[in-house]
Every structure is written in structure tokens, then in C-alpha cells.
Amino acid sequence: MVNKPPFMVVHPTKSHYDKTIANGISYYIDNQKENVKIRFVNRLDMNTSGLVIVAKNAYAHHTLSTAMSENKVEKKYITVVDGIIKENEGTIDEPIYRPTEDSIKRIIDERGQSSVTHYKVIERLENATVLEVSLETGRTHQIRVHMAHIGHGIIGDELYGYVDEELINRQALHAYKLEFEQPRTKKN
């Protein structure tokens, strides 16, 4: 498992070829004289920080990816959203849809994939709410889309949320817990 900092992509892309998590892990493994091929089980958006699962063999990758797709991996996040959420906890069960193939932004639309997000208030601030968020599904931008949908966009989220560069220079979203059965030892 790797704790990804914000502003770093998980794996190389056309626009981010180097300085990725994959590059760093490959460098580390090469220096350890290990002969493994890394595979990512989950990913995080560039501006999101937090935990990413890295498998060092095909068996672990397959086992963990299957667990992820069957919702057997507990995923929890901490986020700070704009405004005060009155309820102490809630569930957002709205389908998320990608309007066009080249669209980055997702929307709530009945044509979308089933998406379920649970949230619990940790603290209410003057004009914001700190939440613990857990996912039943893991759609692209799911937390960001769902929080914006209920009128409480993530602070610092340039695509869906509320931006105040003096307050924070990134989206206030951190993946802090991933609980799963380890493929080899079968322990959580």
C-alpha cells in the first residue's frame, strides 16, 4: 500500500509521463533487486491524496481486483465540503454517467452506473462540514459528483466543488482507510 500525495498521478499518461507513483515504486523495486511487475488495484484522482493498493504479482492483483469489484474492500475517505450538512449521516444513491467519451466531468443521470456513497459528519465548522465517507461502489469522481449533487461540493474541487485558493490549494479529499483480506495470508 502507498500513501499518495496530492498533485501526483498514479501511473504515466501522455500528459504526465514521469514523476508518477508507478515511476517511484518501479525505482524502489529496482533498487531492492526485486523482479516483480507492479499492478495497481485502485487509483485516485491527481488532486486526491491517500491510500493506493499495489499488487506485486498477477495472483494478488486478480484477487484484490475481484474483491474490489465485489465490494469486499472497505474504502473510507475524509473530506471537507462547502456548507453545513444538517443530518448526522446520510446515503446518496444516484447513478453517475459520463455524457461523452472525451468528457472528464461526470453527471447524475438515470443512464449512468449505480453509485452509492455513505457519509457521516465528523465536525461542523463555521461554513463547512468535515465528513467521513464510505463507498459501496467506486465510480470515477463518485464522492465529488455525489457531494456536489446534494449541494455540498468538496472544498478545493475545481470541477465540481467550491474553490478558495487562500483556504486550500487542492481538493480536500483523502483516502485514509482500505480494509481487505490479504491474498496470501487471508488476514485483514
N, C-alpha and C. Protein backbone atom coordinates (compact mmCIF):
# COMPACT_ATOMS: atom_id res chain seq x y z
N MET A 1 0.85 -1.16 0.00
CA MET A 1 0.00 0.00 0.00
C MET A 1 0.90 1.24 0.00
N VAL A 2 0.45 2.26 -0.72
CA VAL A 2 1.20 3.51 -0.85
C VAL A 2 0.29 4.66 -0.45
N ASN A 3 0.83 5.64 0.27
CA ASN A 3 0.10 6.85 0.62
C ASN A 3 0.44 7.92 -0.42
N LYS A 4 -0.45 8.13 -1.38
CA LYS A 4 -0.22 9.04 -2.50
C LYS A 4 -0.41 10.49 -2.06
N PRO A 5 0.56 11.35 -2.37
CA PRO A 5 0.37 12.77 -2.08
C PRO A 5 -0.53 13.41 -3.14
N PRO A 6 -1.08 14.58 -2.85
CA PRO A 6 -1.86 15.28 -3.88
C PRO A 6 -0.94 15.75 -5.01
N PHE A 7 -1.54 16.06 -6.14
CA PHE A 7 -0.84 16.60 -7.33
C PHE A 7 0.07 15.58 -8.00
N MET A 8 -0.10 14.32 -7.73
CA MET A 8 0.71 13.29 -8.36
C MET A 8 -0.23 12.25 -8.96
N VAL A 9 0.05 11.84 -10.21
CA VAL A 9 -0.79 10.82 -10.83
C VAL A 9 -0.27 9.44 -10.46
N VAL A 10 -1.15 8.46 -10.53
CA VAL A 10 -0.80 7.10 -10.14
C VAL A 10 0.12 6.44 -11.17
N HIS A 11 -0.25 6.54 -12.44
CA HIS A 11 0.57 5.90 -13.48
C HIS A 11 0.78 6.86 -14.64
N PRO A 12 1.82 6.64 -15.45
CA PRO A 12 2.12 7.57 -16.55
C PRO A 12 0.97 7.70 -17.55
N THR A 13 0.81 8.93 -18.04
CA THR A 13 -0.15 9.23 -19.10
C THR A 13 0.58 10.08 -20.13
N LYS A 14 -0.10 10.43 -21.21
CA LYS A 14 0.52 11.28 -22.22
C LYS A 14 0.95 12.62 -21.65
N SER A 15 0.15 13.18 -20.75
CA SER A 15 0.47 14.49 -20.19
C SER A 15 1.30 14.43 -18.91
N HIS A 16 1.41 13.26 -18.30
CA HIS A 16 2.20 13.08 -17.07
C HIS A 16 3.03 11.80 -17.21
N TYR A 17 4.10 11.90 -17.98
CA TYR A 17 4.89 10.71 -18.28
C TYR A 17 5.79 10.27 -17.12
N ASP A 18 6.30 11.23 -16.36
CA ASP A 18 7.20 10.86 -15.27
C ASP A 18 6.70 11.47 -13.96
N LYS A 19 7.43 11.23 -12.89
CA LYS A 19 7.08 11.70 -11.55
C LYS A 19 5.70 11.20 -11.12
N THR A 20 5.45 9.91 -11.39
CA THR A 20 4.20 9.27 -11.01
C THR A 20 4.47 8.29 -9.87
N ILE A 21 3.41 7.81 -9.24
CA ILE A 21 3.55 6.78 -8.21
C ILE A 21 4.20 5.53 -8.83
N ALA A 22 3.76 5.15 -10.01
CA ALA A 22 4.32 3.96 -10.67
C ALA A 22 5.82 4.11 -10.90
N ASN A 23 6.25 5.29 -11.35
CA ASN A 23 7.68 5.52 -11.55
C ASN A 23 8.45 5.36 -10.25
N GLY A 24 7.92 5.93 -9.17
CA GLY A 24 8.60 5.86 -7.88
C GLY A 24 8.69 4.45 -7.35
N ILE A 25 7.60 3.69 -7.46
CA ILE A 25 7.62 2.30 -6.98
C ILE A 25 8.57 1.46 -7.83
N SER A 26 8.56 1.66 -9.14
CA SER A 26 9.47 0.91 -10.02
C SER A 26 10.93 1.19 -9.65
N TYR A 27 11.23 2.44 -9.38
CA TYR A 27 12.59 2.82 -8.98
C TYR A 27 12.97 2.11 -7.67
N TYR A 28 12.05 2.12 -6.71
CA TYR A 28 12.30 1.47 -5.42
C TYR A 28 12.54 -0.03 -5.61
N ILE A 29 11.68 -0.69 -6.38
CA ILE A 29 11.80 -2.14 -6.59
C ILE A 29 13.10 -2.48 -7.30
N ASP A 30 13.47 -1.68 -8.29
CA ASP A 30 14.74 -1.91 -8.99
C ASP A 30 15.91 -1.84 -8.01
N ASN A 31 15.88 -0.88 -7.10
CA ASN A 31 16.96 -0.73 -6.11
C ASN A 31 16.97 -1.86 -5.08
N GLN A 32 15.83 -2.51 -4.90
CA GLN A 32 15.75 -3.65 -3.97
C GLN A 32 16.15 -4.95 -4.66
N LYS A 33 16.44 -4.86 -5.94
CA LYS A 33 16.83 -6.03 -6.75
C LYS A 33 15.70 -7.07 -6.82
N GLU A 34 14.46 -6.59 -6.75
CA GLU A 34 13.32 -7.49 -6.89
C GLU A 34 12.93 -7.56 -8.35
N ASN A 35 12.44 -8.70 -8.77
CA ASN A 35 12.00 -8.87 -10.14
C ASN A 35 10.48 -9.06 -10.14
N VAL A 36 9.76 -7.97 -10.01
CA VAL A 36 8.30 -8.02 -9.97
C VAL A 36 7.72 -6.97 -10.90
N LYS A 37 6.50 -7.23 -11.33
CA LYS A 37 5.77 -6.25 -12.14
C LYS A 37 4.63 -5.73 -11.27
N ILE A 38 4.63 -4.43 -11.02
CA ILE A 38 3.59 -3.86 -10.15
C ILE A 38 2.30 -3.64 -10.94
N ARG A 39 1.19 -3.78 -10.21
CA ARG A 39 -0.13 -3.57 -10.79
C ARG A 39 -0.97 -2.82 -9.75
N PHE A 40 -1.66 -1.80 -10.19
CA PHE A 40 -2.50 -1.02 -9.27
C PHE A 40 -3.89 -1.63 -9.19
N VAL A 41 -4.39 -1.76 -7.97
CA VAL A 41 -5.72 -2.31 -7.75
C VAL A 41 -6.75 -1.19 -7.75
N ASN A 42 -6.38 -0.03 -7.22
CA ASN A 42 -7.27 1.13 -7.24
C ASN A 42 -6.45 2.35 -7.64
N ARG A 43 -7.14 3.41 -7.98
CA ARG A 43 -6.48 4.66 -8.36
C ARG A 43 -7.17 5.80 -7.64
N LEU A 44 -6.47 6.92 -7.57
CA LEU A 44 -7.05 8.14 -7.03
C LEU A 44 -6.84 9.26 -8.03
N ASP A 45 -7.75 10.22 -8.05
CA ASP A 45 -7.58 11.39 -8.90
C ASP A 45 -6.29 12.11 -8.53
N MET A 46 -5.74 12.84 -9.47
CA MET A 46 -4.47 13.52 -9.26
C MET A 46 -4.47 14.40 -8.00
N ASN A 47 -5.55 15.13 -7.76
CA ASN A 47 -5.59 16.07 -6.64
C ASN A 47 -6.08 15.44 -5.33
N THR A 48 -6.38 14.15 -5.35
CA THR A 48 -6.79 13.44 -4.14
C THR A 48 -5.57 12.77 -3.53
N SER A 49 -5.47 12.82 -2.22
CA SER A 49 -4.37 12.13 -1.53
C SER A 49 -4.91 10.86 -0.89
N GLY A 50 -3.98 9.98 -0.51
CA GLY A 50 -4.41 8.81 0.24
C GLY A 50 -3.90 7.49 -0.26
N LEU A 51 -4.54 6.44 0.21
CA LEU A 51 -4.06 5.07 0.04
C LEU A 51 -4.39 4.47 -1.32
N VAL A 52 -3.36 3.83 -1.89
CA VAL A 52 -3.48 3.12 -3.16
C VAL A 52 -2.92 1.72 -2.94
N ILE A 53 -3.64 0.70 -3.39
CA ILE A 53 -3.17 -0.69 -3.26
C ILE A 53 -2.33 -1.05 -4.48
N VAL A 54 -1.14 -1.58 -4.21
CA VAL A 54 -0.23 -2.01 -5.27
C VAL A 54 0.01 -3.51 -5.11
N ALA A 55 -0.28 -4.28 -6.16
CA ALA A 55 -0.02 -5.72 -6.14
C ALA A 55 1.31 -6.00 -6.82
N LYS A 56 2.06 -6.95 -6.27
CA LYS A 56 3.38 -7.28 -6.82
C LYS A 56 3.36 -8.54 -7.67
N ASN A 57 2.17 -9.15 -7.85
CA ASN A 57 2.08 -10.30 -8.75
C ASN A 57 0.65 -10.41 -9.29
N ALA A 58 0.50 -11.21 -10.33
CA ALA A 58 -0.80 -11.32 -11.02
C ALA A 58 -1.87 -11.91 -10.11
N TYR A 59 -1.50 -12.89 -9.28
CA TYR A 59 -2.47 -13.51 -8.38
C TYR A 59 -3.04 -12.49 -7.40
N ALA A 60 -2.16 -11.73 -6.76
CA ALA A 60 -2.62 -10.71 -5.81
C ALA A 60 -3.48 -9.67 -6.51
N HIS A 61 -3.06 -9.24 -7.70
CA HIS A 61 -3.83 -8.25 -8.44
C HIS A 61 -5.23 -8.77 -8.77
N HIS A 62 -5.31 -9.99 -9.28
CA HIS A 62 -6.60 -10.58 -9.63
C HIS A 62 -7.49 -10.72 -8.39
N THR A 63 -6.92 -11.26 -7.31
CA THR A 63 -7.69 -11.47 -6.08
C THR A 63 -8.21 -10.16 -5.51
N LEU A 64 -7.34 -9.16 -5.44
CA LEU A 64 -7.74 -7.87 -4.88
C LEU A 64 -8.69 -7.11 -5.81
N SER A 65 -8.47 -7.19 -7.11
CA SER A 65 -9.37 -6.53 -8.06
C SER A 65 -10.76 -7.15 -8.00
N THR A 66 -10.82 -8.47 -7.86
CA THR A 66 -12.11 -9.15 -7.72
C THR A 66 -12.79 -8.71 -6.43
N ALA A 67 -12.04 -8.66 -5.34
CA ALA A 67 -12.60 -8.20 -4.06
C ALA A 67 -13.13 -6.77 -4.19
N MET A 68 -12.39 -5.93 -4.89
CA MET A 68 -12.81 -4.53 -5.10
C MET A 68 -14.12 -4.50 -5.88
N SER A 69 -14.21 -5.27 -6.97
CA SER A 69 -15.42 -5.24 -7.80
C SER A 69 -16.62 -5.86 -7.09
N GLU A 70 -16.37 -6.73 -6.13
CA GLU A 70 -17.46 -7.36 -5.36
C GLU A 70 -17.75 -6.60 -4.06
N ASN A 71 -17.21 -5.40 -3.94
CA ASN A 71 -17.42 -4.54 -2.76
C ASN A 71 -16.96 -5.19 -1.46
N LYS A 72 -15.88 -5.97 -1.52
CA LYS A 72 -15.32 -6.61 -0.34
C LYS A 72 -14.13 -5.84 0.22
N VAL A 73 -13.87 -4.68 -0.34
CA VAL A 73 -12.82 -3.80 0.17
C VAL A 73 -13.50 -2.59 0.80
N GLU A 74 -13.26 -2.38 2.09
CA GLU A 74 -13.83 -1.22 2.77
C GLU A 74 -13.00 0.00 2.43
N LYS A 75 -13.65 1.02 1.83
CA LYS A 75 -12.96 2.24 1.39
C LYS A 75 -13.53 3.42 2.17
N LYS A 76 -12.66 4.13 2.90
CA LYS A 76 -13.12 5.29 3.66
C LYS A 76 -12.26 6.50 3.35
N TYR A 77 -12.92 7.64 3.32
CA TYR A 77 -12.29 8.90 2.99
C TYR A 77 -12.66 9.95 4.03
N ILE A 78 -11.82 10.96 4.14
CA ILE A 78 -12.15 12.17 4.90
C ILE A 78 -12.22 13.29 3.88
N THR A 79 -13.24 14.12 3.99
CA THR A 79 -13.37 15.25 3.08
C THR A 79 -13.95 16.44 3.84
N VAL A 80 -13.73 17.61 3.29
CA VAL A 80 -14.33 18.84 3.83
C VAL A 80 -15.17 19.43 2.71
N VAL A 81 -16.46 19.62 3.00
CA VAL A 81 -17.38 20.11 1.99
C VAL A 81 -17.89 21.51 2.35
N ASP A 82 -18.32 22.21 1.33
CA ASP A 82 -18.85 23.56 1.50
C ASP A 82 -20.21 23.50 2.17
N GLY A 83 -20.42 24.37 3.13
CA GLY A 83 -21.72 24.47 3.79
C GLY A 83 -21.87 23.51 4.96
N ILE A 84 -22.99 23.66 5.65
CA ILE A 84 -23.27 22.85 6.83
C ILE A 84 -24.29 21.77 6.47
N ILE A 85 -23.89 20.53 6.64
CA ILE A 85 -24.82 19.41 6.45
C ILE A 85 -25.54 19.19 7.77
N LYS A 86 -26.86 19.27 7.74
CA LYS A 86 -27.65 19.20 8.97
C LYS A 86 -27.77 17.78 9.54
N GLU A 87 -27.97 16.78 8.65
CA GLU A 87 -28.11 15.40 9.11
C GLU A 87 -26.75 14.89 9.59
N ASN A 88 -26.76 14.04 10.61
CA ASN A 88 -25.50 13.47 11.12
C ASN A 88 -24.91 12.42 10.19
N GLU A 89 -25.78 11.81 9.40
CA GLU A 89 -25.30 10.84 8.41
C GLU A 89 -26.33 10.72 7.29
N GLY A 90 -25.87 10.16 6.17
CA GLY A 90 -26.78 10.01 5.04
C GLY A 90 -26.19 9.11 3.97
N THR A 91 -27.04 8.79 3.01
CA THR A 91 -26.65 7.96 1.87
C THR A 91 -27.10 8.64 0.59
N ILE A 92 -26.21 8.66 -0.37
CA ILE A 92 -26.54 9.19 -1.69
C ILE A 92 -26.51 8.00 -2.65
N ASP A 93 -27.66 7.70 -3.23
CA ASP A 93 -27.80 6.57 -4.15
C ASP A 93 -28.28 7.12 -5.49
N GLU A 94 -27.34 7.59 -6.28
CA GLU A 94 -27.66 8.22 -7.57
C GLU A 94 -26.69 7.70 -8.63
N PRO A 95 -27.22 7.37 -9.82
CA PRO A 95 -26.35 6.85 -10.89
C PRO A 95 -25.45 7.94 -11.47
N ILE A 96 -24.21 7.56 -11.77
CA ILE A 96 -23.23 8.50 -12.33
C ILE A 96 -22.99 8.15 -13.79
N TYR A 97 -23.02 9.18 -14.62
CA TYR A 97 -22.96 9.00 -16.07
C TYR A 97 -21.88 9.88 -16.68
N ARG A 98 -21.20 9.36 -17.69
CA ARG A 98 -20.22 10.13 -18.45
C ARG A 98 -20.89 10.53 -19.76
N PRO A 99 -21.22 11.82 -19.93
CA PRO A 99 -22.00 12.25 -21.09
C PRO A 99 -21.36 11.96 -22.45
N THR A 100 -20.05 12.12 -22.56
CA THR A 100 -19.36 11.83 -23.82
C THR A 100 -18.06 11.11 -23.51
N GLU A 101 -17.53 10.39 -24.49
CA GLU A 101 -16.28 9.64 -24.30
C GLU A 101 -15.12 10.52 -23.88
N ASP A 102 -15.08 11.76 -24.40
CA ASP A 102 -13.95 12.63 -24.09
C ASP A 102 -14.24 13.59 -22.93
N SER A 103 -15.38 13.40 -22.28
CA SER A 103 -15.75 14.26 -21.15
C SER A 103 -15.04 13.81 -19.88
N ILE A 104 -14.43 14.76 -19.18
CA ILE A 104 -13.82 14.47 -17.89
C ILE A 104 -14.91 14.49 -16.81
N LYS A 105 -15.80 15.44 -16.92
CA LYS A 105 -16.83 15.65 -15.91
C LYS A 105 -17.93 14.59 -16.01
N ARG A 106 -18.35 14.10 -14.84
CA ARG A 106 -19.45 13.14 -14.75
C ARG A 106 -20.68 13.87 -14.21
N ILE A 107 -21.86 13.28 -14.47
CA ILE A 107 -23.11 13.87 -14.02
C ILE A 107 -24.01 12.79 -13.41
N ILE A 108 -25.02 13.25 -12.67
CA ILE A 108 -26.06 12.35 -12.18
C ILE A 108 -27.06 12.21 -13.31
N ASP A 109 -27.30 10.97 -13.72
CA ASP A 109 -28.21 10.72 -14.84
C ASP A 109 -28.68 9.27 -14.75
N GLU A 110 -29.96 9.04 -15.03
CA GLU A 110 -30.52 7.69 -14.95
C GLU A 110 -29.85 6.70 -15.89
N ARG A 111 -29.15 7.18 -16.93
CA ARG A 111 -28.43 6.29 -17.85
C ARG A 111 -27.11 5.81 -17.25
N GLY A 112 -26.73 6.36 -16.11
CA GLY A 112 -25.43 6.06 -15.50
C GLY A 112 -25.38 4.75 -14.74
N GLN A 113 -24.20 4.49 -14.19
CA GLN A 113 -23.97 3.29 -13.39
C GLN A 113 -24.42 3.53 -11.95
N SER A 114 -24.97 2.51 -11.35
CA SER A 114 -25.39 2.57 -9.96
C SER A 114 -24.20 3.02 -9.10
N SER A 115 -24.45 3.97 -8.21
CA SER A 115 -23.38 4.54 -7.37
C SER A 115 -23.95 4.87 -6.00
N VAL A 116 -23.31 4.34 -4.95
CA VAL A 116 -23.81 4.54 -3.59
C VAL A 116 -22.68 5.07 -2.71
N THR A 117 -22.95 6.21 -2.07
CA THR A 117 -21.99 6.87 -1.18
C THR A 117 -22.66 7.10 0.18
N HIS A 118 -21.98 6.70 1.25
CA HIS A 118 -22.46 6.95 2.61
C HIS A 118 -21.57 8.01 3.24
N TYR A 119 -22.17 8.90 4.03
CA TYR A 119 -21.36 9.91 4.72
C TYR A 119 -21.81 10.06 6.17
N LYS A 120 -20.86 10.46 7.00
CA LYS A 120 -21.11 10.70 8.42
C LYS A 120 -20.39 11.98 8.80
N VAL A 121 -21.08 12.87 9.50
CA VAL A 121 -20.49 14.13 9.93
C VAL A 121 -19.49 13.87 11.05
N ILE A 122 -18.28 14.38 10.86
CA ILE A 122 -17.24 14.31 11.88
C ILE A 122 -17.23 15.61 12.69
N GLU A 123 -17.35 16.73 11.97
CA GLU A 123 -17.33 18.04 12.63
C GLU A 123 -18.00 19.08 11.73
N ARG A 124 -18.73 19.99 12.37
CA ARG A 124 -19.31 21.12 11.65
C ARG A 124 -18.47 22.35 11.97
N LEU A 125 -17.96 22.99 10.93
CA LEU A 125 -17.16 24.20 11.07
C LEU A 125 -18.06 25.40 10.82
N GLU A 126 -17.48 26.59 10.73
CA GLU A 126 -18.29 27.79 10.53
C GLU A 126 -19.09 27.74 9.23
N ASN A 127 -18.44 27.42 8.12
CA ASN A 127 -19.11 27.38 6.82
C ASN A 127 -18.79 26.11 6.05
N ALA A 128 -18.42 25.06 6.75
CA ALA A 128 -18.04 23.81 6.10
C ALA A 128 -18.31 22.64 7.03
N THR A 129 -18.30 21.44 6.46
CA THR A 129 -18.53 20.22 7.23
C THR A 129 -17.44 19.21 6.91
N VAL A 130 -16.86 18.62 7.96
CA VAL A 130 -15.88 17.55 7.79
C VAL A 130 -16.65 16.23 7.83
N LEU A 131 -16.43 15.40 6.82
CA LEU A 131 -17.16 14.14 6.70
C LEU A 131 -16.23 12.94 6.61
N GLU A 132 -16.71 11.82 7.12
CA GLU A 132 -16.13 10.52 6.79
C GLU A 132 -17.05 9.94 5.72
N VAL A 133 -16.47 9.49 4.63
CA VAL A 133 -17.25 8.98 3.51
C VAL A 133 -16.83 7.54 3.23
N SER A 134 -17.82 6.68 2.99
CA SER A 134 -17.51 5.31 2.58
C SER A 134 -18.27 5.01 1.29
N LEU A 135 -17.68 4.14 0.49
CA LEU A 135 -18.24 3.83 -0.82
C LEU A 135 -18.70 2.38 -0.90
N GLU A 136 -19.87 2.16 -1.49
CA GLU A 136 -20.28 0.81 -1.86
C GLU A 136 -19.77 0.50 -3.26
N THR A 137 -19.70 1.54 -4.08
CA THR A 137 -19.21 1.40 -5.45
C THR A 137 -18.00 2.31 -5.58
N GLY A 138 -17.30 2.23 -6.66
CA GLY A 138 -16.10 3.04 -6.82
C GLY A 138 -16.03 3.68 -8.19
N ARG A 139 -16.99 4.52 -8.49
CA ARG A 139 -17.03 5.17 -9.80
C ARG A 139 -16.06 6.34 -9.84
N THR A 140 -15.63 6.67 -11.04
CA THR A 140 -14.77 7.84 -11.24
C THR A 140 -15.47 9.08 -10.71
N HIS A 141 -14.79 9.84 -9.87
CA HIS A 141 -15.27 11.10 -9.29
C HIS A 141 -16.51 10.91 -8.40
N GLN A 142 -16.78 9.69 -7.94
CA GLN A 142 -18.04 9.42 -7.24
C GLN A 142 -18.31 10.35 -6.06
N ILE A 143 -17.38 10.48 -5.14
CA ILE A 143 -17.61 11.33 -3.97
C ILE A 143 -17.80 12.77 -4.42
N ARG A 144 -16.98 13.21 -5.35
CA ARG A 144 -17.03 14.59 -5.83
C ARG A 144 -18.38 14.89 -6.48
N VAL A 145 -18.87 13.99 -7.33
CA VAL A 145 -20.15 14.17 -8.01
C VAL A 145 -21.30 14.12 -7.00
N HIS A 146 -21.29 13.14 -6.13
CA HIS A 146 -22.39 12.99 -5.17
C HIS A 146 -22.48 14.16 -4.20
N MET A 147 -21.35 14.63 -3.69
CA MET A 147 -21.40 15.75 -2.75
C MET A 147 -21.89 17.03 -3.45
N ALA A 148 -21.43 17.25 -4.67
CA ALA A 148 -21.91 18.42 -5.43
C ALA A 148 -23.41 18.30 -5.68
N HIS A 149 -23.88 17.08 -5.95
CA HIS A 149 -25.30 16.84 -6.24
C HIS A 149 -26.20 17.24 -5.06
N ILE A 150 -25.72 17.03 -3.84
CA ILE A 150 -26.55 17.41 -2.68
C ILE A 150 -26.28 18.84 -2.22
N GLY A 151 -25.52 19.58 -3.03
CA GLY A 151 -25.29 21.00 -2.74
C GLY A 151 -24.14 21.28 -1.79
N HIS A 152 -23.25 20.31 -1.60
CA HIS A 152 -22.12 20.47 -0.69
C HIS A 152 -20.84 19.99 -1.38
N GLY A 153 -20.42 20.75 -2.38
CA GLY A 153 -19.21 20.39 -3.12
C GLY A 153 -17.98 20.36 -2.23
N ILE A 154 -17.02 19.54 -2.62
CA ILE A 154 -15.77 19.43 -1.86
C ILE A 154 -14.98 20.72 -2.00
N ILE A 155 -14.51 21.23 -0.90
CA ILE A 155 -13.71 22.46 -0.92
C ILE A 155 -12.42 22.20 -1.68
N GLY A 156 -12.12 23.10 -2.60
CA GLY A 156 -10.92 22.99 -3.42
C GLY A 156 -11.09 22.20 -4.70
N ASP A 157 -12.27 21.63 -4.93
CA ASP A 157 -12.53 20.84 -6.13
C ASP A 157 -12.90 21.77 -7.28
N GLU A 158 -11.98 21.94 -8.22
CA GLU A 158 -12.18 22.87 -9.33
C GLU A 158 -13.26 22.42 -10.31
N LEU A 159 -13.54 21.14 -10.37
CA LEU A 159 -14.50 20.63 -11.35
C LEU A 159 -15.94 20.62 -10.83
N TYR A 160 -16.13 20.24 -9.58
CA TYR A 160 -17.48 20.09 -9.03
C TYR A 160 -17.75 20.92 -7.77
N GLY A 161 -16.72 21.41 -7.14
CA GLY A 161 -16.90 21.96 -5.80
C GLY A 161 -16.74 23.44 -5.67
N TYR A 162 -16.20 23.82 -4.55
CA TYR A 162 -16.05 25.21 -4.14
C TYR A 162 -14.56 25.49 -4.03
N VAL A 163 -14.07 26.50 -4.75
CA VAL A 163 -12.64 26.81 -4.75
C VAL A 163 -12.37 28.10 -3.98
N ASP A 164 -11.44 28.01 -3.04
CA ASP A 164 -10.94 29.16 -2.30
C ASP A 164 -9.45 28.92 -2.12
N GLU A 165 -8.65 29.44 -3.07
CA GLU A 165 -7.21 29.15 -3.09
C GLU A 165 -6.48 29.66 -1.85
N GLU A 166 -7.06 30.63 -1.16
CA GLU A 166 -6.43 31.10 0.08
C GLU A 166 -6.64 30.09 1.21
N LEU A 167 -7.69 29.31 1.09
CA LEU A 167 -8.01 28.31 2.12
C LEU A 167 -7.24 27.01 1.89
N ILE A 168 -7.28 26.50 0.65
CA ILE A 168 -6.61 25.24 0.31
C ILE A 168 -6.33 25.24 -1.19
N ASN A 169 -5.17 24.70 -1.57
CA ASN A 169 -4.79 24.73 -2.99
C ASN A 169 -5.04 23.40 -3.69
N ARG A 170 -5.88 22.56 -3.11
CA ARG A 170 -6.23 21.27 -3.71
C ARG A 170 -7.59 20.86 -3.17
N GLN A 171 -8.15 19.79 -3.72
CA GLN A 171 -9.43 19.34 -3.19
C GLN A 171 -9.22 18.65 -1.85
N ALA A 172 -10.09 18.95 -0.92
CA ALA A 172 -9.98 18.43 0.45
C ALA A 172 -10.59 17.03 0.51
N LEU A 173 -9.88 16.07 -0.07
CA LEU A 173 -10.34 14.69 -0.12
C LEU A 173 -9.14 13.77 0.08
N HIS A 174 -9.24 12.89 1.09
CA HIS A 174 -8.13 11.99 1.42
C HIS A 174 -8.66 10.58 1.68
N ALA A 175 -8.12 9.60 0.95
CA ALA A 175 -8.48 8.19 1.16
C ALA A 175 -7.64 7.67 2.33
N TYR A 176 -8.27 7.46 3.49
CA TYR A 176 -7.49 7.13 4.68
C TYR A 176 -7.58 5.67 5.12
N LYS A 177 -8.54 4.92 4.58
CA LYS A 177 -8.66 3.53 5.02
C LYS A 177 -9.07 2.63 3.86
N LEU A 178 -8.32 1.54 3.68
CA LEU A 178 -8.67 0.46 2.76
C LEU A 178 -8.50 -0.83 3.55
N GLU A 179 -9.59 -1.52 3.80
CA GLU A 179 -9.50 -2.77 4.55
C GLU A 179 -9.92 -3.92 3.65
N PHE A 180 -9.06 -4.95 3.59
CA PHE A 180 -9.31 -6.07 2.70
C PHE A 180 -8.59 -7.30 3.22
N GLU A 181 -8.94 -8.45 2.67
CA GLU A 181 -8.26 -9.69 3.03
C GLU A 181 -6.98 -9.80 2.21
N GLN A 182 -5.85 -9.94 2.89
CA GLN A 182 -4.57 -10.07 2.20
C GLN A 182 -4.57 -11.39 1.43
N PRO A 183 -4.27 -11.37 0.12
CA PRO A 183 -4.42 -12.58 -0.70
C PRO A 183 -3.63 -13.81 -0.21
N ARG A 184 -2.44 -13.61 0.30
CA ARG A 184 -1.61 -14.75 0.70
C ARG A 184 -1.93 -15.23 2.11
N THR A 185 -2.00 -14.31 3.08
CA THR A 185 -2.20 -14.70 4.48
C THR A 185 -3.67 -14.85 4.86
N LYS A 186 -4.56 -14.27 4.05
CA LYS A 186 -6.01 -14.29 4.30
C LYS A 186 -6.40 -13.49 5.54
N LYS A 187 -5.49 -12.62 6.02
CA LYS A 187 -5.79 -11.77 7.17
C LYS A 187 -6.21 -10.39 6.69
N ASN A 188 -7.06 -9.71 7.49
CA ASN A 188 -7.46 -8.33 7.17
C ASN A 188 -6.38 -7.38 7.62
